[in-house]
């Protein structure tokens, strides 16, 4: 599992790879797995959710390694009454 963080506003999964495409794919896959454990949705539902509302940000492109953060608003996955 790659690093991840949770703030008051977002769930954040991070991934690093020489390929920016692979880093993004890994960040997405880890977010999907995290959501599955956290909320019990199917991987297909979690993938659909990420397709609609996840934000991806490039965090580094130095030293031959690319980094990507996947951010998902906690208000969506943890709605409060």
PDB file of N, CA and C in Angstrom:
ATOM      1  N   UNK A   1       0.847  -1.177   0.000  1.00  0.00           N
ATOM      2  CA  UNK A   1       0.000   0.000   0.000  1.00  0.00           C
ATOM      3  C   UNK A   1       0.893   1.241   0.000  1.00  0.00           C
ATOM      4  N   UNK A   2       0.488   2.209  -0.760  1.00  0.00           N
ATOM      5  CA  UNK A   2       1.237   3.462  -0.812  1.00  0.00           C
ATOM      6  C   UNK A   2       0.767   4.372   0.316  1.00  0.00           C
ATOM      7  N   UNK A   3       1.472   5.471   0.527  1.00  0.00           N
ATOM      8  CA  UNK A   3       1.047   6.390   1.600  1.00  0.00           C
ATOM      9  C   UNK A   3      -0.351   6.930   1.339  1.00  0.00           C
ATOM     10  N   UNK A   4      -1.033   7.221   2.427  1.00  0.00           N
ATOM     11  CA  UNK A   4      -2.334   7.859   2.322  1.00  0.00           C
ATOM     12  C   UNK A   4      -2.530   8.746   3.547  1.00  0.00           C
ATOM     13  N   UNK A   5      -3.483   9.669   3.420  1.00  0.00           N
ATOM     14  CA  UNK A   5      -3.761  10.594   4.509  1.00  0.00           C
ATOM     15  C   UNK A   5      -5.244  10.898   4.524  1.00  0.00           C
ATOM     16  N   UNK A   6      -5.697  11.329   5.686  1.00  0.00           N
ATOM     17  CA  UNK A   6      -7.079  11.762   5.814  1.00  0.00           C
ATOM     18  C   UNK A   6      -7.076  13.098   6.541  1.00  0.00           C
ATOM     19  N   UNK A   7      -7.700  14.081   5.925  1.00  0.00           N
ATOM     20  CA  UNK A   7      -7.845  15.388   6.553  1.00  0.00           C
ATOM     21  C   UNK A   7      -9.320  15.591   6.877  1.00  0.00           C
ATOM     22  N   UNK A   8      -9.654  16.721   7.432  1.00  0.00           N
ATOM     23  CA  UNK A   8     -11.047  17.019   7.721  1.00  0.00           C
ATOM     24  C   UNK A   8     -11.868  17.059   6.430  1.00  0.00           C
ATOM     25  N   UNK A   9     -11.242  17.445   5.338  1.00  0.00           N
ATOM     26  CA  UNK A   9     -11.984  17.636   4.089  1.00  0.00           C
ATOM     27  C   UNK A   9     -11.765  16.568   3.029  1.00  0.00           C
ATOM     28  N   UNK A  10     -10.676  15.790   3.095  1.00  0.00           N
ATOM     29  CA  UNK A  10     -10.364  14.867   1.996  1.00  0.00           C
ATOM     30  C   UNK A  10      -9.722  13.563   2.474  1.00  0.00           C
ATOM     31  N   UNK A  11      -9.968  12.519   1.684  1.00  0.00           N
ATOM     32  CA  UNK A  11      -9.159  11.301   1.726  1.00  0.00           C
ATOM     33  C   UNK A  11      -8.118  11.479   0.629  1.00  0.00           C
ATOM     34  N   UNK A  12      -6.876  11.106   0.906  1.00  0.00           N
ATOM     35  CA  UNK A  12      -5.805  11.331  -0.057  1.00  0.00           C
ATOM     36  C   UNK A  12      -4.960  10.071  -0.176  1.00  0.00           C
ATOM     37  N   UNK A  13      -4.900   9.512  -1.380  1.00  0.00           N
ATOM     38  CA  UNK A  13      -3.973   8.412  -1.635  1.00  0.00           C
ATOM     39  C   UNK A  13      -2.854   8.950  -2.518  1.00  0.00           C
ATOM     40  N   UNK A  14      -1.652   8.435  -2.318  1.00  0.00           N
ATOM     41  CA  UNK A  14      -0.477   8.923  -3.033  1.00  0.00           C
ATOM     42  C   UNK A  14       0.245   7.765  -3.696  1.00  0.00           C
ATOM     43  N   UNK A  15       0.849   8.040  -4.827  1.00  0.00           N
ATOM     44  CA  UNK A  15       1.618   7.001  -5.520  1.00  0.00           C
ATOM     45  C   UNK A  15       2.784   7.647  -6.254  1.00  0.00           C
ATOM     46  N   UNK A  16       3.845   6.873  -6.405  1.00  0.00           N
ATOM     47  CA  UNK A  16       5.069   7.352  -7.057  1.00  0.00           C
ATOM     48  C   UNK A  16       5.582   6.282  -8.005  1.00  0.00           C
ATOM     49  N   UNK A  17       6.018   6.711  -9.180  1.00  0.00           N
ATOM     50  CA  UNK A  17       6.522   5.777 -10.191  1.00  0.00           C
ATOM     51  C   UNK A  17       7.283   6.585 -11.237  1.00  0.00           C
ATOM     52  N   UNK A  18       8.224   5.975 -11.940  1.00  0.00           N
ATOM     53  CA  UNK A  18       8.877   6.693 -13.040  1.00  0.00           C
ATOM     54  C   UNK A  18       7.891   7.115 -14.130  1.00  0.00           C
ATOM     55  N   UNK A  19       6.782   6.379 -14.257  1.00  0.00           N
ATOM     56  CA  UNK A  19       5.753   6.703 -15.244  1.00  0.00           C
ATOM     57  C   UNK A  19       4.616   7.467 -14.558  1.00  0.00           C
ATOM     58  N   UNK A  20       4.295   8.636 -15.066  1.00  0.00           N
ATOM     59  CA  UNK A  20       3.197   9.417 -14.514  1.00  0.00           C
ATOM     60  C   UNK A  20       1.877   8.655 -14.658  1.00  0.00           C
ATOM     61  N   UNK A  21       1.691   7.965 -15.770  1.00  0.00           N
ATOM     62  CA  UNK A  21       0.472   7.179 -15.970  1.00  0.00           C
ATOM     63  C   UNK A  21       0.333   6.092 -14.905  1.00  0.00           C
ATOM     64  N   UNK A  22       1.437   5.387 -14.622  1.00  0.00           N
ATOM     65  CA  UNK A  22       1.389   4.321 -13.612  1.00  0.00           C
ATOM     66  C   UNK A  22       1.168   4.885 -12.220  1.00  0.00           C
ATOM     67  N   UNK A  23       1.772   6.040 -11.932  1.00  0.00           N
ATOM     68  CA  UNK A  23       1.565   6.668 -10.625  1.00  0.00           C
ATOM     69  C   UNK A  23       0.096   7.034 -10.441  1.00  0.00           C
ATOM     70  N   UNK A  24      -0.507   7.580 -11.477  1.00  0.00           N
ATOM     71  CA  UNK A  24      -1.930   7.949 -11.392  1.00  0.00           C
ATOM     72  C   UNK A  24      -2.806   6.714 -11.239  1.00  0.00           C
ATOM     73  N   UNK A  25      -2.529   5.685 -12.013  1.00  0.00           N
ATOM     74  CA  UNK A  25      -3.298   4.445 -11.920  1.00  0.00           C
ATOM     75  C   UNK A  25      -3.185   3.826 -10.526  1.00  0.00           C
ATOM     76  N   UNK A  26      -1.988   3.838  -9.974  1.00  0.00           N
ATOM     77  CA  UNK A  26      -1.777   3.273  -8.639  1.00  0.00           C
ATOM     78  C   UNK A  26      -2.510   4.079  -7.577  1.00  0.00           C
ATOM     79  N   UNK A  27      -2.447   5.406  -7.663  1.00  0.00           N
ATOM     80  CA  UNK A  27      -3.172   6.248  -6.701  1.00  0.00           C
ATOM     81  C   UNK A  27      -4.673   5.959  -6.775  1.00  0.00           C
ATOM     82  N   UNK A  28      -5.197   5.797  -7.974  1.00  0.00           N
ATOM     83  CA  UNK A  28      -6.612   5.486  -8.154  1.00  0.00           C
ATOM     84  C   UNK A  28      -6.947   4.108  -7.581  1.00  0.00           C
ATOM     85  N   UNK A  29      -6.151   3.112  -7.899  1.00  0.00           N
ATOM     86  CA  UNK A  29      -6.415   1.752  -7.396  1.00  0.00           C
ATOM     87  C   UNK A  29      -6.390   1.699  -5.874  1.00  0.00           C
ATOM     88  N   UNK A  30      -5.474   2.431  -5.278  1.00  0.00           N
ATOM     89  CA  UNK A  30      -5.393   2.426  -3.821  1.00  0.00           C
ATOM     90  C   UNK A  30      -6.561   3.181  -3.194  1.00  0.00           C
ATOM     91  N   UNK A  31      -7.035   4.223  -3.863  1.00  0.00           N
ATOM     92  CA  UNK A  31      -8.226   4.925  -3.369  1.00  0.00           C
ATOM     93  C   UNK A  31      -9.433   3.998  -3.440  1.00  0.00           C
ATOM     94  N   UNK A  32      -9.574   3.262  -4.531  1.00  0.00           N
ATOM     95  CA  UNK A  32     -10.693   2.323  -4.685  1.00  0.00           C
ATOM     96  C   UNK A  32     -10.650   1.257  -3.586  1.00  0.00           C
ATOM     97  N   UNK A  33      -9.483   0.707  -3.321  1.00  0.00           N
ATOM     98  CA  UNK A  33      -9.342  -0.309  -2.277  1.00  0.00           C
ATOM     99  C   UNK A  33      -9.664   0.273  -0.903  1.00  0.00           C
ATOM    100  N   UNK A  34      -9.202   1.484  -0.641  1.00  0.00           N
ATOM    101  CA  UNK A  34      -9.454   2.150   0.635  1.00  0.00           C
ATOM    102  C   UNK A  34     -10.955   2.382   0.827  1.00  0.00           C
ATOM    103  N   UNK A  35     -11.615   2.868  -0.216  1.00  0.00           N
ATOM    104  CA  UNK A  35     -13.055   3.096  -0.131  1.00  0.00           C
ATOM    105  C   UNK A  35     -13.807   1.797   0.119  1.00  0.00           C
ATOM    106  N   UNK A  36     -13.368   0.717  -0.523  1.00  0.00           N
ATOM    107  CA  UNK A  36     -14.018  -0.575  -0.322  1.00  0.00           C
ATOM    108  C   UNK A  36     -13.948  -1.031   1.125  1.00  0.00           C
ATOM    109  N   UNK A  37     -12.800  -0.860   1.752  1.00  0.00           N
ATOM    110  CA  UNK A  37     -12.646  -1.238   3.158  1.00  0.00           C
ATOM    111  C   UNK A  37     -13.410  -0.286   4.069  1.00  0.00           C
ATOM    112  N   UNK A  38     -13.442   0.967   3.687  1.00  0.00           N
ATOM    113  CA  UNK A  38     -14.040   1.998   4.530  1.00  0.00           C
ATOM    114  C   UNK A  38     -15.564   2.002   4.473  1.00  0.00           C
ATOM    115  N   UNK A  39     -16.119   1.858   3.278  1.00  0.00           N
ATOM    116  CA  UNK A  39     -17.563   2.016   3.099  1.00  0.00           C
ATOM    117  C   UNK A  39     -18.288   0.761   2.624  1.00  0.00           C
ATOM    118  N   UNK A  40     -17.540  -0.261   2.239  1.00  0.00           N
ATOM    119  CA  UNK A  40     -18.152  -1.517   1.853  1.00  0.00           C
ATOM    120  C   UNK A  40     -18.839  -1.528   0.494  1.00  0.00           C
ATOM    121  N   UNK A  41     -18.526  -0.567  -0.365  1.00  0.00           N
ATOM    122  CA  UNK A  41     -19.083  -0.580  -1.716  1.00  0.00           C
ATOM    123  C   UNK A  41     -18.301  -1.555  -2.589  1.00  0.00           C
ATOM    124  N   UNK A  42     -18.884  -1.918  -3.704  1.00  0.00           N
ATOM    125  CA  UNK A  42     -18.179  -2.796  -4.638  1.00  0.00           C
ATOM    126  C   UNK A  42     -17.064  -2.017  -5.323  1.00  0.00           C
ATOM    127  N   UNK A  43     -16.036  -2.704  -5.826  1.00  0.00           N
ATOM    128  CA  UNK A  43     -14.977  -2.009  -6.564  1.00  0.00           C
ATOM    129  C   UNK A  43     -15.524  -1.225  -7.761  1.00  0.00           C
ATOM    130  N   UNK A  44     -16.555  -1.761  -8.404  1.00  0.00           N
ATOM    131  CA  UNK A  44     -17.143  -1.066  -9.550  1.00  0.00           C
ATOM    132  C   UNK A  44     -17.803   0.250  -9.121  1.00  0.00           C
ATOM    133  N   UNK A  45     -18.512   0.218  -7.994  1.00  0.00           N
ATOM    134  CA  UNK A  45     -19.138   1.436  -7.479  1.00  0.00           C
ATOM    135  C   UNK A  45     -18.083   2.455  -7.043  1.00  0.00           C
ATOM    136  N   UNK A  46     -17.034   1.970  -6.392  1.00  0.00           N
ATOM    137  CA  UNK A  46     -15.957   2.868  -5.966  1.00  0.00           C
ATOM    138  C   UNK A  46     -15.250   3.480  -7.175  1.00  0.00           C
ATOM    139  N   UNK A  47     -15.049   2.701  -8.225  1.00  0.00           N
ATOM    140  CA  UNK A  47     -14.432   3.215  -9.451  1.00  0.00           C
ATOM    141  C   UNK A  47     -15.311   4.301 -10.070  1.00  0.00           C
ATOM    142  N   UNK A  48     -16.620   4.047 -10.113  1.00  0.00           N
ATOM    143  CA  UNK A  48     -17.553   5.037 -10.652  1.00  0.00           C
ATOM    144  C   UNK A  48     -17.522   6.321  -9.833  1.00  0.00           C
ATOM    145  N   UNK A  49     -17.509   6.185  -8.516  1.00  0.00           N
ATOM    146  CA  UNK A  49     -17.446   7.343  -7.634  1.00  0.00           C
ATOM    147  C   UNK A  49     -16.177   8.152  -7.891  1.00  0.00           C
ATOM    148  N   UNK A  50     -15.042   7.470  -7.987  1.00  0.00           N
ATOM    149  CA  UNK A  50     -13.771   8.159  -8.251  1.00  0.00           C
ATOM    150  C   UNK A  50     -13.774   8.826  -9.628  1.00  0.00           C
ATOM    151  N   UNK A  51     -14.402   8.185 -10.601  1.00  0.00           N
ATOM    152  CA  UNK A  51     -14.462   8.771 -11.942  1.00  0.00           C
ATOM    153  C   UNK A  51     -15.185  10.102 -11.928  1.00  0.00           C
ATOM    154  N   UNK A  52     -16.179  10.209 -11.056  1.00  0.00           N
ATOM    155  CA  UNK A  52     -16.996  11.413 -11.016  1.00  0.00           C
ATOM    156  C   UNK A  52     -16.429  12.527 -10.144  1.00  0.00           C
ATOM    157  N   UNK A  53     -15.842  12.170  -8.997  1.00  0.00           N
ATOM    158  CA  UNK A  53     -15.513  13.239  -8.050  1.00  0.00           C
ATOM    159  C   UNK A  53     -14.075  13.296  -7.549  1.00  0.00           C
ATOM    160  N   UNK A  54     -13.252  12.319  -7.886  1.00  0.00           N
ATOM    161  CA  UNK A  54     -11.864  12.382  -7.410  1.00  0.00           C
ATOM    162  C   UNK A  54     -11.076  13.412  -8.213  1.00  0.00           C
ATOM    163  N   UNK A  55     -10.195  14.114  -7.520  1.00  0.00           N
ATOM    164  CA  UNK A  55      -9.261  15.037  -8.161  1.00  0.00           C
ATOM    165  C   UNK A  55      -7.878  14.414  -8.099  1.00  0.00           C
ATOM    166  N   UNK A  56      -7.111  14.579  -9.162  1.00  0.00           N
ATOM    167  CA  UNK A  56      -5.749  14.063  -9.203  1.00  0.00           C
ATOM    168  C   UNK A  56      -4.795  15.222  -9.386  1.00  0.00           C
ATOM    169  N   UNK A  57      -3.735  15.220  -8.599  1.00  0.00           N
ATOM    170  CA  UNK A  57      -2.749  16.294  -8.679  1.00  0.00           C
ATOM    171  C   UNK A  57      -1.356  15.698  -8.778  1.00  0.00           C
ATOM    172  N   UNK A  58      -0.575  16.240  -9.690  1.00  0.00           N
ATOM    173  CA  UNK A  58       0.824  15.833  -9.803  1.00  0.00           C
ATOM    174  C   UNK A  58       1.575  16.506  -8.665  1.00  0.00           C
ATOM    175  N   UNK A  59       2.305  15.711  -7.889  1.00  0.00           N
ATOM    176  CA  UNK A  59       2.986  16.261  -6.722  1.00  0.00           C
ATOM    177  C   UNK A  59       4.489  16.379  -6.898  1.00  0.00           C
ATOM    178  N   UNK A  60       5.040  15.612  -7.820  1.00  0.00           N
ATOM    179  CA  UNK A  60       6.470  15.744  -8.083  1.00  0.00           C
ATOM    180  C   UNK A  60       6.823  15.139  -9.429  1.00  0.00           C
ATOM    181  N   UNK A  61       7.857  15.682 -10.032  1.00  0.00           N
ATOM    182  CA  UNK A  61       8.385  15.155 -11.297  1.00  0.00           C
ATOM    183  C   UNK A  61       9.901  15.279 -11.304  1.00  0.00           C
ATOM    184  N   UNK A  62      10.525  14.957 -10.188  1.00  0.00           N
ATOM    185  CA  UNK A  62      11.976  15.101 -10.070  1.00  0.00           C
ATOM    186  C   UNK A  62      12.633  13.762  -9.802  1.00  0.00           C
ATOM    187  N   UNK A  63      13.930  13.718 -10.004  1.00  0.00           N
ATOM    188  CA  UNK A  63      14.732  12.520  -9.693  1.00  0.00           C
ATOM    189  C   UNK A  63      14.224  11.260 -10.381  1.00  0.00           C
ATOM    190  N   UNK A  64      13.605  11.418 -11.543  1.00  0.00           N
ATOM    191  CA  UNK A  64      13.115  10.259 -12.276  1.00  0.00           C
ATOM    192  C   UNK A  64      11.852   9.650 -11.714  1.00  0.00           C
ATOM    193  N   UNK A  65      11.276  10.263 -10.695  1.00  0.00           N
ATOM    194  CA  UNK A  65      10.066   9.728 -10.088  1.00  0.00           C
ATOM    195  C   UNK A  65       8.944  10.753 -10.185  1.00  0.00           C
ATOM    196  N   UNK A  66       7.773  10.274 -10.570  1.00  0.00           N
ATOM    197  CA  UNK A  66       6.594  11.129 -10.637  1.00  0.00           C
ATOM    198  C   UNK A  66       5.679  10.766  -9.484  1.00  0.00           C
ATOM    199  N   UNK A  67       5.048  11.767  -8.905  1.00  0.00           N
ATOM    200  CA  UNK A  67       4.121  11.544  -7.801  1.00  0.00           C
ATOM    201  C   UNK A  67       2.749  12.082  -8.126  1.00  0.00           C
ATOM    202  N   UNK A  68       1.729  11.369  -7.681  1.00  0.00           N
ATOM    203  CA  UNK A  68       0.339  11.776  -7.896  1.00  0.00           C
ATOM    204  C   UNK A  68      -0.432  11.603  -6.589  1.00  0.00           C
ATOM    205  N   UNK A  69      -1.272  12.597  -6.274  1.00  0.00           N
ATOM    206  CA  UNK A  69      -2.222  12.504  -5.164  1.00  0.00           C
ATOM    207  C   UNK A  69      -3.619  12.328  -5.757  1.00  0.00           C
ATOM    208  N   UNK A  70      -4.385  11.414  -5.221  1.00  0.00           N
ATOM    209  CA  UNK A  70      -5.814  11.314  -5.534  1.00  0.00           C
ATOM    210  C   UNK A  70      -6.554  11.860  -4.323  1.00  0.00           C
ATOM    211  N   UNK A  71      -7.405  12.840  -4.538  1.00  0.00           N
ATOM    212  CA  UNK A  71      -8.160  13.466  -3.456  1.00  0.00           C
ATOM    213  C   UNK A  71      -9.648  13.214  -3.641  1.00  0.00           C
ATOM    214  N   UNK A  72     -10.299  12.814  -2.562  1.00  0.00           N
ATOM    215  CA  UNK A  72     -11.736  12.557  -2.593  1.00  0.00           C
ATOM    216  C   UNK A  72     -12.349  13.254  -1.384  1.00  0.00           C
ATOM    217  N   UNK A  73     -13.329  14.113  -1.616  1.00  0.00           N
ATOM    218  CA  UNK A  73     -13.957  14.887  -0.539  1.00  0.00           C
ATOM    219  C   UNK A  73     -14.647  13.968   0.458  1.00  0.00           C
ATOM    220  N   UNK A  74     -14.324  14.129   1.730  1.00  0.00           N
ATOM    221  CA  UNK A  74     -14.943  13.303   2.766  1.00  0.00           C
ATOM    222  C   UNK A  74     -16.439  13.584   2.888  1.00  0.00           C
ATOM    223  N   UNK A  75     -16.896  14.770   2.498  1.00  0.00           N
ATOM    224  CA  UNK A  75     -18.331  15.085   2.556  1.00  0.00           C
ATOM    225  C   UNK A  75     -19.125  14.146   1.644  1.00  0.00           C
ATOM    226  N   UNK A  76     -18.494  13.630   0.609  1.00  0.00           N
ATOM    227  CA  UNK A  76     -19.166  12.696  -0.306  1.00  0.00           C
ATOM    228  C   UNK A  76     -19.208  11.286   0.275  1.00  0.00           C
ATOM    229  N   UNK A  77     -18.109  10.847   0.849  1.00  0.00           N
ATOM    230  CA  UNK A  77     -18.043   9.456   1.346  1.00  0.00           C
ATOM    231  C   UNK A  77     -18.497   9.308   2.799  1.00  0.00           C
ATOM    232  N   UNK A  78     -18.548  10.405   3.540  1.00  0.00           N
ATOM    233  CA  UNK A  78     -19.011  10.399   4.924  1.00  0.00           C
ATOM    234  C   UNK A  78     -20.072  11.469   5.122  1.00  0.00           C
ATOM    235  N   UNK A  79     -21.204  11.346   4.444  1.00  0.00           N
ATOM    236  CA  UNK A  79     -22.205  12.409   4.585  1.00  0.00           C
ATOM    237  C   UNK A  79     -22.700  12.524   6.024  1.00  0.00           C
ATOM    238  N   UNK A  80     -22.845  13.719   6.470  1.00  0.00           N
ATOM    239  CA  UNK A  80     -23.334  14.000   7.816  1.00  0.00           C
ATOM    240  C   UNK A  80     -24.820  14.378   7.732  1.00  0.00           C
ATOM    241  N   UNK A  81     -25.634  13.960   8.712  1.00  0.00           N
ATOM    242  CA  UNK A  81     -27.064  14.312   8.673  1.00  0.00           C
ATOM    243  C   UNK A  81     -27.282  15.804   8.843  1.00  0.00           C
TER     244      UNK A  81
END
